[in-house]
Amino acid sequence: MKNIIRVGLLSVSALAAAAALTTSFTTPSFAEKTVEVGGAAMYPSKNIVENAVNSKDHTTLVAAVKAAGLVDTLSGKGPFTVFAPTNAAFEKLPKDTVPTLLKPENKDKLTGVLTYHVVAGKMSAEDIAGKAKANGGKLELTTVAGGKITLMGDDKGGWWITDENGGKAKITIADVFQSNGVIHVIDTVILPKS
């Protein structure tokens, strides 16, 4: 009888140990703080491209990044601040603009448009607000394309980007942190001087 009890206790102990071991491999020891963009969680441990491909609101941007050959760059170490236009933002462009830009012969122009949405370094919304406040409420940034964009807050707490042509885009989702930078989702495609 004592042997049966010992075997029973050993079996229970073995099951408990196995359960603990399984739990430690399947349950993360910490939960990442994610932001949902385009119906998908954006993980801070993933890079810009790894997250963007999961957003159903950024399929046009992802296609453009692939066509421009920027996947490796935006998957790289960075850090980068990306102002990421949604599919709806691309739809605001004149008809046939996106299909024309996606043609191989327009790769340089497409690259220029996309890198105009990228700033070297990682700038959170707090960083942007702090630098803008110190500069009279506006912040001018130089993009990776070499052009200038100006960020300015409004009286409702929103932030706007003005491009070199006077076009404006609103930041609709800020601080989508990535392993190699941060994304701020915008509602309009900003364009460099033509």
C-alpha atoms as a PDB file:
ATOM      1  CA  MET A   1       0.000   0.000   0.000  1.00  0.00           C
ATOM      2  CA  LYS A   2       2.853   2.350   0.873  1.00  0.00           C
ATOM      3  CA  ASN A   3       4.454   1.607  -2.500  1.00  0.00           C
ATOM      4  CA  ILE A   4       1.210   2.467  -4.291  1.00  0.00           C
ATOM      5  CA  ILE A   5       1.013   5.789  -2.429  1.00  0.00           C
ATOM      6  CA  ARG A   6       4.685   6.565  -3.240  1.00  0.00           C
ATOM      7  CA  VAL A   7       4.158   5.735  -6.925  1.00  0.00           C
ATOM      8  CA  GLY A   8       1.007   7.894  -6.911  1.00  0.00           C
ATOM      9  CA  LEU A   9       2.863  10.823  -5.302  1.00  0.00           C
ATOM     10  CA  LEU A  10       5.765  10.460  -7.713  1.00  0.00           C
ATOM     11  CA  SER A  11       3.355  10.439 -10.653  1.00  0.00           C
ATOM     12  CA  VAL A  12       1.625  13.581  -9.383  1.00  0.00           C
ATOM     13  CA  SER A  13       5.015  15.276  -8.843  1.00  0.00           C
ATOM     14  CA  ALA A  14       6.155  14.296 -12.332  1.00  0.00           C
ATOM     15  CA  LEU A  15       2.945  15.652 -13.855  1.00  0.00           C
ATOM     16  CA  ALA A  16       3.271  18.912 -11.937  1.00  0.00           C
ATOM     17  CA  ALA A  17       6.897  19.291 -13.061  1.00  0.00           C
ATOM     18  CA  ALA A  18       5.937  18.557 -16.674  1.00  0.00           C
ATOM     19  CA  ALA A  19       3.106  21.074 -16.517  1.00  0.00           C
ATOM     20  CA  ALA A  20       5.424  23.737 -15.076  1.00  0.00           C
ATOM     21  CA  LEU A  21       8.023  23.018 -17.756  1.00  0.00           C
ATOM     22  CA  THR A  22       5.438  23.188 -20.543  1.00  0.00           C
ATOM     23  CA  THR A  23       4.056  26.449 -19.171  1.00  0.00           C
ATOM     24  CA  SER A  24       7.485  28.018 -19.013  1.00  0.00           C
ATOM     25  CA  PHE A  25       8.029  27.282 -22.732  1.00  0.00           C
ATOM     26  CA  THR A  26       4.609  28.302 -24.001  1.00  0.00           C
ATOM     27  CA  THR A  27       3.772  31.300 -21.835  1.00  0.00           C
ATOM     28  CA  PRO A  28       5.940  34.410 -22.201  1.00  0.00           C
ATOM     29  CA  SER A  29       7.522  35.573 -18.991  1.00  0.00           C
ATOM     30  CA  PHE A  30       6.364  39.090 -19.835  1.00  0.00           C
ATOM     31  CA  ALA A  31       3.722  40.514 -22.110  1.00  0.00           C
ATOM     32  CA  GLU A  32       4.721  43.002 -24.790  1.00  0.00           C
ATOM     33  CA  LYS A  33       2.735  46.221 -24.864  1.00  0.00           C
ATOM     34  CA  THR A  34       1.298  46.274 -28.370  1.00  0.00           C
ATOM     35  CA  VAL A  35      -0.661  48.805 -30.381  1.00  0.00           C
ATOM     36  CA  GLU A  36      -3.273  47.600 -32.854  1.00  0.00           C
ATOM     37  CA  VAL A  37      -2.900  48.932 -36.387  1.00  0.00           C
ATOM     38  CA  GLY A  38      -4.981  47.677 -39.282  1.00  0.00           C
ATOM     39  CA  GLY A  39      -6.490  44.903 -37.178  1.00  0.00           C
ATOM     40  CA  ALA A  40      -3.123  43.470 -36.115  1.00  0.00           C
ATOM     41  CA  ALA A  41      -1.003  43.789 -32.988  1.00  0.00           C
ATOM     42  CA  MET A  42       2.269  45.619 -33.612  1.00  0.00           C
ATOM     43  CA  TYR A  43       5.019  44.076 -31.476  1.00  0.00           C
ATOM     44  CA  PRO A  44       7.890  46.231 -30.163  1.00  0.00           C
ATOM     45  CA  SER A  45      10.196  43.213 -30.537  1.00  0.00           C
ATOM     46  CA  LYS A  46       9.605  43.088 -34.320  1.00  0.00           C
ATOM     47  CA  ASN A  47      11.045  45.471 -36.891  1.00  0.00           C
ATOM     48  CA  ILE A  48       9.131  47.951 -39.039  1.00  0.00           C
ATOM     49  CA  VAL A  49       8.642  45.599 -41.986  1.00  0.00           C
ATOM     50  CA  GLU A  50       7.759  42.556 -39.842  1.00  0.00           C
ATOM     51  CA  ASN A  51       4.943  44.559 -38.256  1.00  0.00           C
ATOM     52  CA  ALA A  52       3.754  46.504 -41.312  1.00  0.00           C
ATOM     53  CA  VAL A  53       3.094  43.372 -43.370  1.00  0.00           C
ATOM     54  CA  ASN A  54       0.414  42.386 -40.838  1.00  0.00           C
ATOM     55  CA  SER A  55      -1.569  45.645 -41.022  1.00  0.00           C
ATOM     56  CA  LYS A  56      -4.504  45.393 -43.420  1.00  0.00           C
ATOM     57  CA  ASP A  57      -4.465  49.228 -43.557  1.00  0.00           C
ATOM     58  CA  HIS A  58      -0.938  49.323 -44.975  1.00  0.00           C
ATOM     59  CA  THR A  59      -0.983  46.859 -47.878  1.00  0.00           C
ATOM     60  CA  THR A  60      -0.309  49.625 -50.418  1.00  0.00           C
ATOM     61  CA  LEU A  61       2.616  50.937 -48.382  1.00  0.00           C
ATOM     62  CA  VAL A  62       4.082  47.445 -48.042  1.00  0.00           C
ATOM     63  CA  ALA A  63       3.732  46.847 -51.806  1.00  0.00           C
ATOM     64  CA  ALA A  64       5.446  50.178 -52.453  1.00  0.00           C
ATOM     65  CA  VAL A  65       8.289  49.402 -50.027  1.00  0.00           C
ATOM     66  CA  LYS A  66       8.841  46.069 -51.819  1.00  0.00           C
ATOM     67  CA  ALA A  67       8.712  47.699 -55.275  1.00  0.00           C
ATOM     68  CA  ALA A  68      11.236  50.351 -54.185  1.00  0.00           C
ATOM     69  CA  GLY A  69      13.601  47.729 -52.777  1.00  0.00           C
ATOM     70  CA  LEU A  70      13.471  49.220 -49.271  1.00  0.00           C
ATOM     71  CA  VAL A  71      12.598  46.038 -47.342  1.00  0.00           C
ATOM     72  CA  ASP A  72      16.183  45.390 -46.226  1.00  0.00           C
ATOM     73  CA  THR A  73      16.709  49.035 -45.264  1.00  0.00           C
ATOM     74  CA  LEU A  74      13.557  49.248 -43.138  1.00  0.00           C
ATOM     75  CA  SER A  75      14.304  45.835 -41.619  1.00  0.00           C
ATOM     76  CA  GLY A  76      17.784  47.054 -40.669  1.00  0.00           C
ATOM     77  CA  LYS A  77      19.098  48.351 -37.380  1.00  0.00           C
ATOM     78  CA  GLY A  78      17.922  51.951 -37.824  1.00  0.00           C
ATOM     79  CA  PRO A  79      16.557  53.524 -35.805  1.00  0.00           C
ATOM     80  CA  PHE A  80      13.936  55.141 -38.002  1.00  0.00           C
ATOM     81  CA  THR A  81      10.843  57.243 -37.467  1.00  0.00           C
ATOM     82  CA  VAL A  82       8.323  56.352 -40.164  1.00  0.00           C
ATOM     83  CA  PHE A  83       5.220  58.379 -40.955  1.00  0.00           C
ATOM     84  CA  ALA A  84       3.177  55.546 -42.467  1.00  0.00           C
ATOM     85  CA  PRO A  85       0.304  56.447 -44.810  1.00  0.00           C
ATOM     86  CA  THR A  86      -2.688  54.114 -44.810  1.00  0.00           C
ATOM     87  CA  ASN A  87      -4.308  52.583 -47.890  1.00  0.00           C
ATOM     88  CA  ALA A  88      -6.971  55.319 -47.632  1.00  0.00           C
ATOM     89  CA  ALA A  89      -4.188  57.928 -47.720  1.00  0.00           C
ATOM     90  CA  PHE A  90      -2.850  56.489 -50.981  1.00  0.00           C
ATOM     91  CA  GLU A  91      -6.402  56.481 -52.393  1.00  0.00           C
ATOM     92  CA  LYS A  92      -6.495  60.286 -51.966  1.00  0.00           C
ATOM     93  CA  LEU A  93      -3.770  60.660 -54.602  1.00  0.00           C
ATOM     94  CA  PRO A  94      -4.861  61.407 -58.180  1.00  0.00           C
ATOM     95  CA  LYS A  95      -6.123  58.378 -60.096  1.00  0.00           C
ATOM     96  CA  ASP A  96      -3.390  56.069 -61.445  1.00  0.00           C
ATOM     97  CA  THR A  97      -0.653  57.673 -59.293  1.00  0.00           C
ATOM     98  CA  VAL A  98       0.036  54.512 -57.274  1.00  0.00           C
ATOM     99  CA  PRO A  99       0.040  52.082 -60.244  1.00  0.00           C
ATOM    100  CA  THR A 100       2.347  54.469 -62.112  1.00  0.00           C
ATOM    101  CA  LEU A 101       4.743  54.762 -59.154  1.00  0.00           C
ATOM    102  CA  LEU A 102       4.845  50.968 -58.757  1.00  0.00           C
ATOM    103  CA  LYS A 103       6.170  50.478 -62.307  1.00  0.00           C
ATOM    104  CA  PRO A 104       9.853  49.429 -62.402  1.00  0.00           C
ATOM    105  CA  GLU A 105      10.806  52.457 -64.498  1.00  0.00           C
ATOM    106  CA  ASN A 106       9.572  54.761 -61.703  1.00  0.00           C
ATOM    107  CA  LYS A 107      11.523  53.089 -58.900  1.00  0.00           C
ATOM    108  CA  ASP A 108      13.662  56.193 -58.175  1.00  0.00           C
ATOM    109  CA  LYS A 109      10.612  58.444 -57.883  1.00  0.00           C
ATOM    110  CA  LEU A 110       8.838  55.883 -55.678  1.00  0.00           C
ATOM    111  CA  THR A 111      11.921  55.597 -53.462  1.00  0.00           C
ATOM    112  CA  GLY A 112      11.980  59.396 -53.141  1.00  0.00           C
ATOM    113  CA  VAL A 113       8.340  59.512 -52.071  1.00  0.00           C
ATOM    114  CA  LEU A 114       8.736  56.685 -49.548  1.00  0.00           C
ATOM    115  CA  THR A 115      11.981  57.963 -47.991  1.00  0.00           C
ATOM    116  CA  TYR A 116      10.304  61.374 -47.652  1.00  0.00           C
ATOM    117  CA  HIS A 117       8.155  59.633 -45.002  1.00  0.00           C
ATOM    118  CA  VAL A 118      11.205  58.493 -43.009  1.00  0.00           C
ATOM    119  CA  VAL A 119      13.382  60.406 -40.540  1.00  0.00           C
ATOM    120  CA  ALA A 120      16.630  59.019 -39.152  1.00  0.00           C
ATOM    121  CA  GLY A 121      16.405  58.345 -35.397  1.00  0.00           C
ATOM    122  CA  LYS A 122      13.582  57.302 -33.107  1.00  0.00           C
ATOM    123  CA  MET A 123      11.184  60.140 -32.272  1.00  0.00           C
ATOM    124  CA  SER A 124       8.239  59.394 -30.026  1.00  0.00           C
ATOM    125  CA  ALA A 125       5.217  61.697 -29.849  1.00  0.00           C
ATOM    126  CA  GLU A 126       6.643  63.015 -26.582  1.00  0.00           C
ATOM    127  CA  ASP A 127       9.977  63.787 -28.280  1.00  0.00           C
ATOM    128  CA  ILE A 128       8.195  65.584 -31.117  1.00  0.00           C
ATOM    129  CA  ALA A 129       6.024  67.612 -28.730  1.00  0.00           C
ATOM    130  CA  GLY A 130       8.999  68.552 -26.554  1.00  0.00           C
ATOM    131  CA  LYS A 131      11.152  69.710 -29.468  1.00  0.00           C
ATOM    132  CA  ALA A 132       8.240  71.571 -31.067  1.00  0.00           C
ATOM    133  CA  LYS A 133       7.465  73.358 -27.784  1.00  0.00           C
ATOM    134  CA  ALA A 134      11.105  74.429 -27.460  1.00  0.00           C
ATOM    135  CA  ASN A 135      10.905  75.783 -31.018  1.00  0.00           C
ATOM    136  CA  GLY A 136       7.770  77.925 -30.748  1.00  0.00           C
ATOM    137  CA  GLY A 137       5.286  75.118 -31.454  1.00  0.00           C
ATOM    138  CA  LYS A 138       6.733  73.828 -34.727  1.00  0.00           C
ATOM    139  CA  LEU A 139       9.332  71.200 -35.505  1.00  0.00           C
ATOM    140  CA  GLU A 140      11.113  71.026 -38.856  1.00  0.00           C
ATOM    141  CA  LEU A 141      12.704  67.688 -39.685  1.00  0.00           C
ATOM    142  CA  THR A 142      14.916  66.565 -42.545  1.00  0.00           C
ATOM    143  CA  THR A 143      13.750  63.312 -44.087  1.00  0.00           C
ATOM    144  CA  VAL A 144      15.943  60.475 -45.344  1.00  0.00           C
ATOM    145  CA  ALA A 145      15.080  61.723 -48.866  1.00  0.00           C
ATOM    146  CA  GLY A 146      16.693  65.055 -47.952  1.00  0.00           C
ATOM    147  CA  GLY A 147      13.493  67.110 -47.957  1.00  0.00           C
ATOM    148  CA  LYS A 148      11.900  68.992 -45.080  1.00  0.00           C
ATOM    149  CA  ILE A 149       8.671  68.341 -43.220  1.00  0.00           C
ATOM    150  CA  THR A 150       7.148  70.496 -40.491  1.00  0.00           C
ATOM    151  CA  LEU A 151       5.225  69.084 -37.534  1.00  0.00           C
ATOM    152  CA  MET A 152       2.802  71.176 -35.532  1.00  0.00           C
ATOM    153  CA  GLY A 153       0.177  70.416 -32.908  1.00  0.00           C
ATOM    154  CA  ASP A 154      -3.366  71.713 -32.930  1.00  0.00           C
ATOM    155  CA  ASP A 155      -5.512  72.951 -30.039  1.00  0.00           C
ATOM    156  CA  LYS A 156      -7.226  69.535 -29.792  1.00  0.00           C
ATOM    157  CA  GLY A 157      -4.020  67.615 -29.093  1.00  0.00           C
ATOM    158  CA  GLY A 158      -3.601  66.346 -32.656  1.00  0.00           C
ATOM    159  CA  TRP A 159      -0.419  66.555 -34.679  1.00  0.00           C
ATOM    160  CA  TRP A 160      -0.087  67.554 -38.309  1.00  0.00           C
ATOM    161  CA  ILE A 161       2.718  67.214 -40.840  1.00  0.00           C
ATOM    162  CA  THR A 162       3.115  69.796 -43.585  1.00  0.00           C
ATOM    163  CA  ASP A 163       5.136  68.803 -46.637  1.00  0.00           C
ATOM    164  CA  GLU A 164       7.197  71.072 -48.906  1.00  0.00           C
ATOM    165  CA  ASN A 165       4.188  71.627 -51.189  1.00  0.00           C
ATOM    166  CA  GLY A 166       1.871  72.754 -48.370  1.00  0.00           C
ATOM    167  CA  GLY A 167       0.078  69.392 -48.214  1.00  0.00           C
ATOM    168  CA  LYS A 168      -1.004  68.252 -44.754  1.00  0.00           C
ATOM    169  CA  ALA A 169      -1.299  64.871 -43.081  1.00  0.00           C
ATOM    170  CA  LYS A 170      -2.666  64.119 -39.631  1.00  0.00           C
ATOM    171  CA  ILE A 171      -1.031  61.627 -37.292  1.00  0.00           C
ATOM    172  CA  THR A 172      -3.892  59.248 -36.481  1.00  0.00           C
ATOM    173  CA  ILE A 173      -1.988  56.654 -34.420  1.00  0.00           C
ATOM    174  CA  ALA A 174       1.219  57.695 -32.669  1.00  0.00           C
ATOM    175  CA  ASP A 175       3.949  55.719 -30.951  1.00  0.00           C
ATOM    176  CA  VAL A 176       3.782  52.332 -32.632  1.00  0.00           C
ATOM    177  CA  PHE A 177       7.155  51.225 -31.290  1.00  0.00           C
ATOM    178  CA  GLN A 178       9.323  48.770 -33.241  1.00  0.00           C
ATOM    179  CA  SER A 179      12.647  47.083 -32.534  1.00  0.00           C
ATOM    180  CA  ASN A 180      14.287  49.477 -34.992  1.00  0.00           C
ATOM    181  CA  GLY A 181      12.319  52.659 -34.446  1.00  0.00           C
ATOM    182  CA  VAL A 182       8.771  53.956 -34.290  1.00  0.00           C
ATOM    183  CA  ILE A 183       5.839  54.339 -36.677  1.00  0.00           C
ATOM    184  CA  HIS A 184       3.307  57.157 -36.611  1.00  0.00           C
ATOM    185  CA  VAL A 185       0.305  56.344 -38.837  1.00  0.00           C
ATOM    186  CA  ILE A 186      -0.835  59.233 -41.057  1.00  0.00           C
ATOM    187  CA  ASP A 187      -3.997  59.851 -43.075  1.00  0.00           C
ATOM    188  CA  THR A 188      -2.444  61.481 -46.176  1.00  0.00           C
ATOM    189  CA  VAL A 189       0.605  60.827 -48.330  1.00  0.00           C
ATOM    190  CA  ILE A 190       3.128  63.654 -47.957  1.00  0.00           C
ATOM    191  CA  LEU A 191       5.104  64.591 -51.057  1.00  0.00           C
ATOM    192  CA  PRO A 192       8.522  66.107 -51.630  1.00  0.00           C
ATOM    193  CA  LYS A 193       8.957  69.175 -53.838  1.00  0.00           C
ATOM    194  CA  SER A 194       8.440  68.166 -57.422  1.00  0.00           C
END
